[in-house]
């Protein structure tokens, strides 16, 4: 294993406290759910898209 591979593996952030875990994903899901509550069709569609992207990122983060 080369030194570059070792550095990449140790700084990968597999500890679960990364930016994606509680930053973007949580914000997208919470804001998306809040927008779904409003009766305006545009906010509902935007909220559903935000929740979808947030859940997709959570799944990708879990798998990767």
PDB file of N, CA and C in Angstrom:
ATOM      1  N   UNK A   1       0.847  -1.173   0.000  1.00  0.00           N
ATOM      2  CA  UNK A   1       0.000   0.000   0.000  1.00  0.00           C
ATOM      3  C   UNK A   1       0.892   1.236   0.000  1.00  0.00           C
ATOM      4  N   UNK A   2       0.590   2.143  -0.869  1.00  0.00           N
ATOM      5  CA  UNK A   2       1.402   3.351  -0.948  1.00  0.00           C
ATOM      6  C   UNK A   2       0.999   4.331   0.152  1.00  0.00           C
ATOM      7  N   UNK A   3       1.835   5.330   0.345  1.00  0.00           N
ATOM      8  CA  UNK A   3       1.564   6.326   1.378  1.00  0.00           C
ATOM      9  C   UNK A   3       0.304   7.127   1.071  1.00  0.00           C
ATOM     10  N   UNK A   4       0.039   7.393  -0.190  1.00  0.00           N
ATOM     11  CA  UNK A   4      -1.154   8.139  -0.589  1.00  0.00           C
ATOM     12  C   UNK A   4      -2.422   7.369  -0.252  1.00  0.00           C
ATOM     13  N   UNK A   5      -2.428   6.087  -0.493  1.00  0.00           N
ATOM     14  CA  UNK A   5      -3.598   5.271  -0.166  1.00  0.00           C
ATOM     15  C   UNK A   5      -3.836   5.254   1.334  1.00  0.00           C
ATOM     16  N   UNK A   6      -2.792   5.186   2.105  1.00  0.00           N
ATOM     17  CA  UNK A   6      -2.927   5.166   3.553  1.00  0.00           C
ATOM     18  C   UNK A   6      -3.516   6.479   4.058  1.00  0.00           C
ATOM     19  N   UNK A   7      -3.055   7.591   3.525  1.00  0.00           N
ATOM     20  CA  UNK A   7      -3.582   8.894   3.926  1.00  0.00           C
ATOM     21  C   UNK A   7      -5.046   9.002   3.550  1.00  0.00           C
ATOM     22  N   UNK A   8      -5.408   8.524   2.362  1.00  0.00           N
ATOM     23  CA  UNK A   8      -6.797   8.586   1.920  1.00  0.00           C
ATOM     24  C   UNK A   8      -7.691   7.755   2.829  1.00  0.00           C
ATOM     25  N   UNK A   9      -7.244   6.614   3.209  1.00  0.00           N
ATOM     26  CA  UNK A   9      -8.061   5.749   4.062  1.00  0.00           C
ATOM     27  C   UNK A   9      -8.207   6.298   5.473  1.00  0.00           C
ATOM     28  N   UNK A  10      -7.180   6.907   6.003  1.00  0.00           N
ATOM     29  CA  UNK A  10      -7.271   7.388   7.372  1.00  0.00           C
ATOM     30  C   UNK A  10      -8.043   8.700   7.477  1.00  0.00           C
ATOM     31  N   UNK A  11      -8.118   9.472   6.410  1.00  0.00           N
ATOM     32  CA  UNK A  11      -8.838  10.740   6.466  1.00  0.00           C
ATOM     33  C   UNK A  11     -10.190  10.664   5.755  1.00  0.00           C
ATOM     34  N   UNK A  12     -10.659   9.447   5.506  1.00  0.00           N
ATOM     35  CA  UNK A  12     -11.896   9.268   4.759  1.00  0.00           C
ATOM     36  C   UNK A  12     -13.127   9.723   5.535  1.00  0.00           C
ATOM     37  N   UNK A  13     -13.081   9.689   6.843  1.00  0.00           N
ATOM     38  CA  UNK A  13     -14.218  10.133   7.637  1.00  0.00           C
ATOM     39  C   UNK A  13     -15.243   9.051   7.877  1.00  0.00           C
ATOM     40  N   UNK A  14     -14.815   7.839   8.125  1.00  0.00           N
ATOM     41  CA  UNK A  14     -15.739   6.734   8.361  1.00  0.00           C
ATOM     42  C   UNK A  14     -16.276   6.702   9.788  1.00  0.00           C
ATOM     43  N   UNK A  15     -15.992   7.706  10.582  1.00  0.00           N
ATOM     44  CA  UNK A  15     -16.434   7.702  11.965  1.00  0.00           C
ATOM     45  C   UNK A  15     -17.893   8.094  12.132  1.00  0.00           C
ATOM     46  N   UNK A  16     -18.574   8.518  11.075  1.00  0.00           N
ATOM     47  CA  UNK A  16     -19.990   8.836  11.142  1.00  0.00           C
ATOM     48  C   UNK A  16     -20.310  10.237  11.620  1.00  0.00           C
ATOM     49  N   UNK A  17     -19.322  11.049  11.863  1.00  0.00           N
ATOM     50  CA  UNK A  17     -19.558  12.414  12.331  1.00  0.00           C
ATOM     51  C   UNK A  17     -19.295  13.439  11.246  1.00  0.00           C
ATOM     52  N   UNK A  18     -19.420  13.045  10.002  1.00  0.00           N
ATOM     53  CA  UNK A  18     -19.084  13.911   8.888  1.00  0.00           C
ATOM     54  C   UNK A  18     -20.136  14.967   8.604  1.00  0.00           C
ATOM     55  N   UNK A  19     -19.786  15.823   7.692  1.00  0.00           N
ATOM     56  CA  UNK A  19     -20.652  16.928   7.287  1.00  0.00           C
ATOM     57  C   UNK A  19     -21.972  16.417   6.706  1.00  0.00           C
ATOM     58  N   UNK A  20     -21.905  15.329   5.924  1.00  0.00           N
ATOM     59  CA  UNK A  20     -23.097  14.814   5.267  1.00  0.00           C
ATOM     60  C   UNK A  20     -24.073  14.202   6.250  1.00  0.00           C
ATOM     61  N   UNK A  21     -23.584  13.654   7.351  1.00  0.00           N
ATOM     62  CA  UNK A  21     -24.456  12.957   8.288  1.00  0.00           C
ATOM     63  C   UNK A  21     -25.470  13.890   8.934  1.00  0.00           C
ATOM     64  N   UNK A  22     -25.021  15.004   9.455  1.00  0.00           N
ATOM     65  CA  UNK A  22     -25.930  15.887  10.176  1.00  0.00           C
ATOM     66  C   UNK A  22     -26.098  17.255   9.536  1.00  0.00           C
ATOM     67  N   UNK A  23     -25.335  17.548   8.535  1.00  0.00           N
ATOM     68  CA  UNK A  23     -25.402  18.861   7.907  1.00  0.00           C
ATOM     69  C   UNK A  23     -26.417  18.920   6.797  1.00  0.00           C
ATOM     70  N   UNK A  24     -26.010  18.559   5.626  1.00  0.00           N
ATOM     71  CA  UNK A  24     -26.836  18.684   4.425  1.00  0.00           C
ATOM     72  C   UNK A  24     -28.046  17.751   4.463  1.00  0.00           C
ATOM     73  N   UNK A  25     -27.822  16.487   4.813  1.00  0.00           N
ATOM     74  CA  UNK A  25     -28.908  15.499   4.757  1.00  0.00           C
ATOM     75  C   UNK A  25     -30.041  15.888   5.696  1.00  0.00           C
ATOM     76  N   UNK A  26     -29.719  16.178   6.933  1.00  0.00           N
ATOM     77  CA  UNK A  26     -30.751  16.540   7.904  1.00  0.00           C
ATOM     78  C   UNK A  26     -31.472  17.813   7.497  1.00  0.00           C
ATOM     79  N   UNK A  27     -30.721  18.786   7.023  1.00  0.00           N
ATOM     80  CA  UNK A  27     -31.326  20.050   6.596  1.00  0.00           C
ATOM     81  C   UNK A  27     -32.274  19.841   5.424  1.00  0.00           C
ATOM     82  N   UNK A  28     -31.848  19.070   4.425  1.00  0.00           N
ATOM     83  CA  UNK A  28     -32.716  18.810   3.273  1.00  0.00           C
ATOM     84  C   UNK A  28     -34.002  18.105   3.678  1.00  0.00           C
ATOM     85  N   UNK A  29     -33.882  17.094   4.510  1.00  0.00           N
ATOM     86  CA  UNK A  29     -35.072  16.334   4.907  1.00  0.00           C
ATOM     87  C   UNK A  29     -36.015  17.198   5.743  1.00  0.00           C
ATOM     88  N   UNK A  30     -35.486  17.917   6.717  1.00  0.00           N
ATOM     89  CA  UNK A  30     -36.342  18.741   7.572  1.00  0.00           C
ATOM     90  C   UNK A  30     -37.009  19.886   6.809  1.00  0.00           C
ATOM     91  N   UNK A  31     -36.233  20.575   5.969  1.00  0.00           N
ATOM     92  CA  UNK A  31     -36.831  21.653   5.179  1.00  0.00           C
ATOM     93  C   UNK A  31     -37.836  21.098   4.159  1.00  0.00           C
ATOM     94  N   UNK A  32     -37.511  19.954   3.588  1.00  0.00           N
ATOM     95  CA  UNK A  32     -38.435  19.324   2.648  1.00  0.00           C
ATOM     96  C   UNK A  32     -39.753  18.965   3.303  1.00  0.00           C
ATOM     97  N   UNK A  33     -39.690  18.382   4.494  1.00  0.00           N
ATOM     98  CA  UNK A  33     -40.917  18.043   5.215  1.00  0.00           C
ATOM     99  C   UNK A  33     -41.712  19.287   5.597  1.00  0.00           C
ATOM    100  N   UNK A  34     -41.002  20.349   5.968  1.00  0.00           N
ATOM    101  CA  UNK A  34     -41.688  21.600   6.302  1.00  0.00           C
ATOM    102  C   UNK A  34     -42.389  22.183   5.078  1.00  0.00           C
ATOM    103  N   UNK A  35     -41.779  22.088   3.913  1.00  0.00           N
ATOM    104  CA  UNK A  35     -42.393  22.630   2.702  1.00  0.00           C
ATOM    105  C   UNK A  35     -43.596  21.805   2.250  1.00  0.00           C
ATOM    106  N   UNK A  36     -43.598  20.514   2.539  1.00  0.00           N
ATOM    107  CA  UNK A  36     -44.736  19.673   2.163  1.00  0.00           C
ATOM    108  C   UNK A  36     -45.985  20.085   2.933  1.00  0.00           C
ATOM    109  N   UNK A  37     -45.811  20.620   4.130  1.00  0.00           N
ATOM    110  CA  UNK A  37     -46.955  21.021   4.967  1.00  0.00           C
ATOM    111  C   UNK A  37     -47.725  22.179   4.345  1.00  0.00           C
ATOM    112  N   UNK A  38     -47.030  23.095   3.659  1.00  0.00           N
ATOM    113  CA  UNK A  38     -47.704  24.232   3.050  1.00  0.00           C
ATOM    114  C   UNK A  38     -48.568  23.754   1.882  1.00  0.00           C
ATOM    115  N   UNK A  39     -49.788  24.300   1.748  1.00  0.00           N
ATOM    116  CA  UNK A  39     -50.712  23.813   0.729  1.00  0.00           C
ATOM    117  C   UNK A  39     -50.400  24.266  -0.704  1.00  0.00           C
ATOM    118  N   UNK A  40     -49.424  25.093  -0.889  1.00  0.00           N
ATOM    119  CA  UNK A  40     -49.059  25.561  -2.224  1.00  0.00           C
ATOM    120  C   UNK A  40     -48.416  24.418  -3.018  1.00  0.00           C
ATOM    121  N   UNK A  41     -48.878  24.159  -4.239  1.00  0.00           N
ATOM    122  CA  UNK A  41     -48.320  23.038  -5.020  1.00  0.00           C
ATOM    123  C   UNK A  41     -46.813  23.151  -5.278  1.00  0.00           C
ATOM    124  N   UNK A  42     -46.317  24.362  -5.493  1.00  0.00           N
ATOM    125  CA  UNK A  42     -44.890  24.531  -5.773  1.00  0.00           C
ATOM    126  C   UNK A  42     -44.040  24.157  -4.560  1.00  0.00           C
ATOM    127  N   UNK A  43     -44.489  24.528  -3.374  1.00  0.00           N
ATOM    128  CA  UNK A  43     -43.715  24.183  -2.179  1.00  0.00           C
ATOM    129  C   UNK A  43     -43.794  22.689  -1.890  1.00  0.00           C
ATOM    130  N   UNK A  44     -44.929  22.068  -2.183  1.00  0.00           N
ATOM    131  CA  UNK A  44     -45.058  20.626  -1.977  1.00  0.00           C
ATOM    132  C   UNK A  44     -44.109  19.863  -2.887  1.00  0.00           C
ATOM    133  N   UNK A  45     -44.057  20.234  -4.154  1.00  0.00           N
ATOM    134  CA  UNK A  45     -43.159  19.564  -5.099  1.00  0.00           C
ATOM    135  C   UNK A  45     -41.701  19.794  -4.699  1.00  0.00           C
ATOM    136  N   UNK A  46     -41.371  21.028  -4.329  1.00  0.00           N
ATOM    137  CA  UNK A  46     -40.009  21.328  -3.892  1.00  0.00           C
ATOM    138  C   UNK A  46     -39.663  20.530  -2.645  1.00  0.00           C
ATOM    139  N   UNK A  47     -40.592  20.444  -1.706  1.00  0.00           N
ATOM    140  CA  UNK A  47     -40.363  19.678  -0.484  1.00  0.00           C
ATOM    141  C   UNK A  47     -40.150  18.202  -0.760  1.00  0.00           C
ATOM    142  N   UNK A  48     -40.947  17.636  -1.649  1.00  0.00           N
ATOM    143  CA  UNK A  48     -40.792  16.221  -1.999  1.00  0.00           C
ATOM    144  C   UNK A  48     -39.436  15.987  -2.657  1.00  0.00           C
ATOM    145  N   UNK A  49     -39.020  16.898  -3.534  1.00  0.00           N
ATOM    146  CA  UNK A  49     -37.705  16.771  -4.172  1.00  0.00           C
ATOM    147  C   UNK A  49     -36.578  16.863  -3.144  1.00  0.00           C
ATOM    148  N   UNK A  50     -36.697  17.788  -2.196  1.00  0.00           N
ATOM    149  CA  UNK A  50     -35.671  17.937  -1.164  1.00  0.00           C
ATOM    150  C   UNK A  50     -35.580  16.697  -0.291  1.00  0.00           C
ATOM    151  N   UNK A  51     -36.718  16.133   0.086  1.00  0.00           N
ATOM    152  CA  UNK A  51     -36.720  14.912   0.890  1.00  0.00           C
ATOM    153  C   UNK A  51     -36.103  13.769   0.086  1.00  0.00           C
ATOM    154  N   UNK A  52     -36.451  13.682  -1.189  1.00  0.00           N
ATOM    155  CA  UNK A  52     -35.884  12.632  -2.036  1.00  0.00           C
ATOM    156  C   UNK A  52     -34.377  12.727  -2.159  1.00  0.00           C
ATOM    157  N   UNK A  53     -33.876  13.934  -2.355  1.00  0.00           N
ATOM    158  CA  UNK A  53     -32.434  14.131  -2.461  1.00  0.00           C
ATOM    159  C   UNK A  53     -31.765  13.826  -1.113  1.00  0.00           C
ATOM    160  N   UNK A  54     -32.365  14.271  -0.031  1.00  0.00           N
ATOM    161  CA  UNK A  54     -31.804  14.006   1.290  1.00  0.00           C
ATOM    162  C   UNK A  54     -31.740  12.530   1.622  1.00  0.00           C
ATOM    163  N   UNK A  55     -32.806  11.811   1.320  1.00  0.00           N
ATOM    164  CA  UNK A  55     -32.822  10.365   1.570  1.00  0.00           C
ATOM    165  C   UNK A  55     -31.824   9.659   0.665  1.00  0.00           C
ATOM    166  N   UNK A  56     -31.748  10.092  -0.581  1.00  0.00           N
ATOM    167  CA  UNK A  56     -30.781   9.490  -1.511  1.00  0.00           C
ATOM    168  C   UNK A  56     -29.352   9.689  -1.028  1.00  0.00           C
ATOM    169  N   UNK A  57     -29.031  10.895  -0.557  1.00  0.00           N
ATOM    170  CA  UNK A  57     -27.697  11.161  -0.026  1.00  0.00           C
ATOM    171  C   UNK A  57     -27.424  10.329   1.222  1.00  0.00           C
ATOM    172  N   UNK A  58     -28.441  10.143   2.066  1.00  0.00           N
ATOM    173  CA  UNK A  58     -28.264   9.317   3.261  1.00  0.00           C
ATOM    174  C   UNK A  58     -27.967   7.878   2.892  1.00  0.00           C
ATOM    175  N   UNK A  59     -28.668   7.358   1.889  1.00  0.00           N
ATOM    176  CA  UNK A  59     -28.430   5.986   1.440  1.00  0.00           C
ATOM    177  C   UNK A  59     -27.033   5.865   0.832  1.00  0.00           C
ATOM    178  N   UNK A  60     -26.654   6.811  -0.003  1.00  0.00           N
ATOM    179  CA  UNK A  60     -25.308   6.785  -0.599  1.00  0.00           C
ATOM    180  C   UNK A  60     -24.219   6.898   0.470  1.00  0.00           C
ATOM    181  N   UNK A  61     -24.460   7.717   1.486  1.00  0.00           N
ATOM    182  CA  UNK A  61     -23.501   7.868   2.564  1.00  0.00           C
ATOM    183  C   UNK A  61     -23.369   6.579   3.360  1.00  0.00           C
ATOM    184  N   UNK A  62     -24.470   5.895   3.551  1.00  0.00           N
ATOM    185  CA  UNK A  62     -24.444   4.634   4.286  1.00  0.00           C
ATOM    186  C   UNK A  62     -23.729   3.536   3.500  1.00  0.00           C
ATOM    187  N   UNK A  63     -23.984   3.486   2.207  1.00  0.00           N
ATOM    188  CA  UNK A  63     -23.388   2.452   1.355  1.00  0.00           C
ATOM    189  C   UNK A  63     -21.916   2.717   1.090  1.00  0.00           C
ATOM    190  N   UNK A  64     -21.546   3.972   1.016  1.00  0.00           N
ATOM    191  CA  UNK A  64     -20.174   4.330   0.629  1.00  0.00           C
ATOM    192  C   UNK A  64     -19.334   4.562   1.768  1.00  0.00           C
TER     193      UNK A  64
END
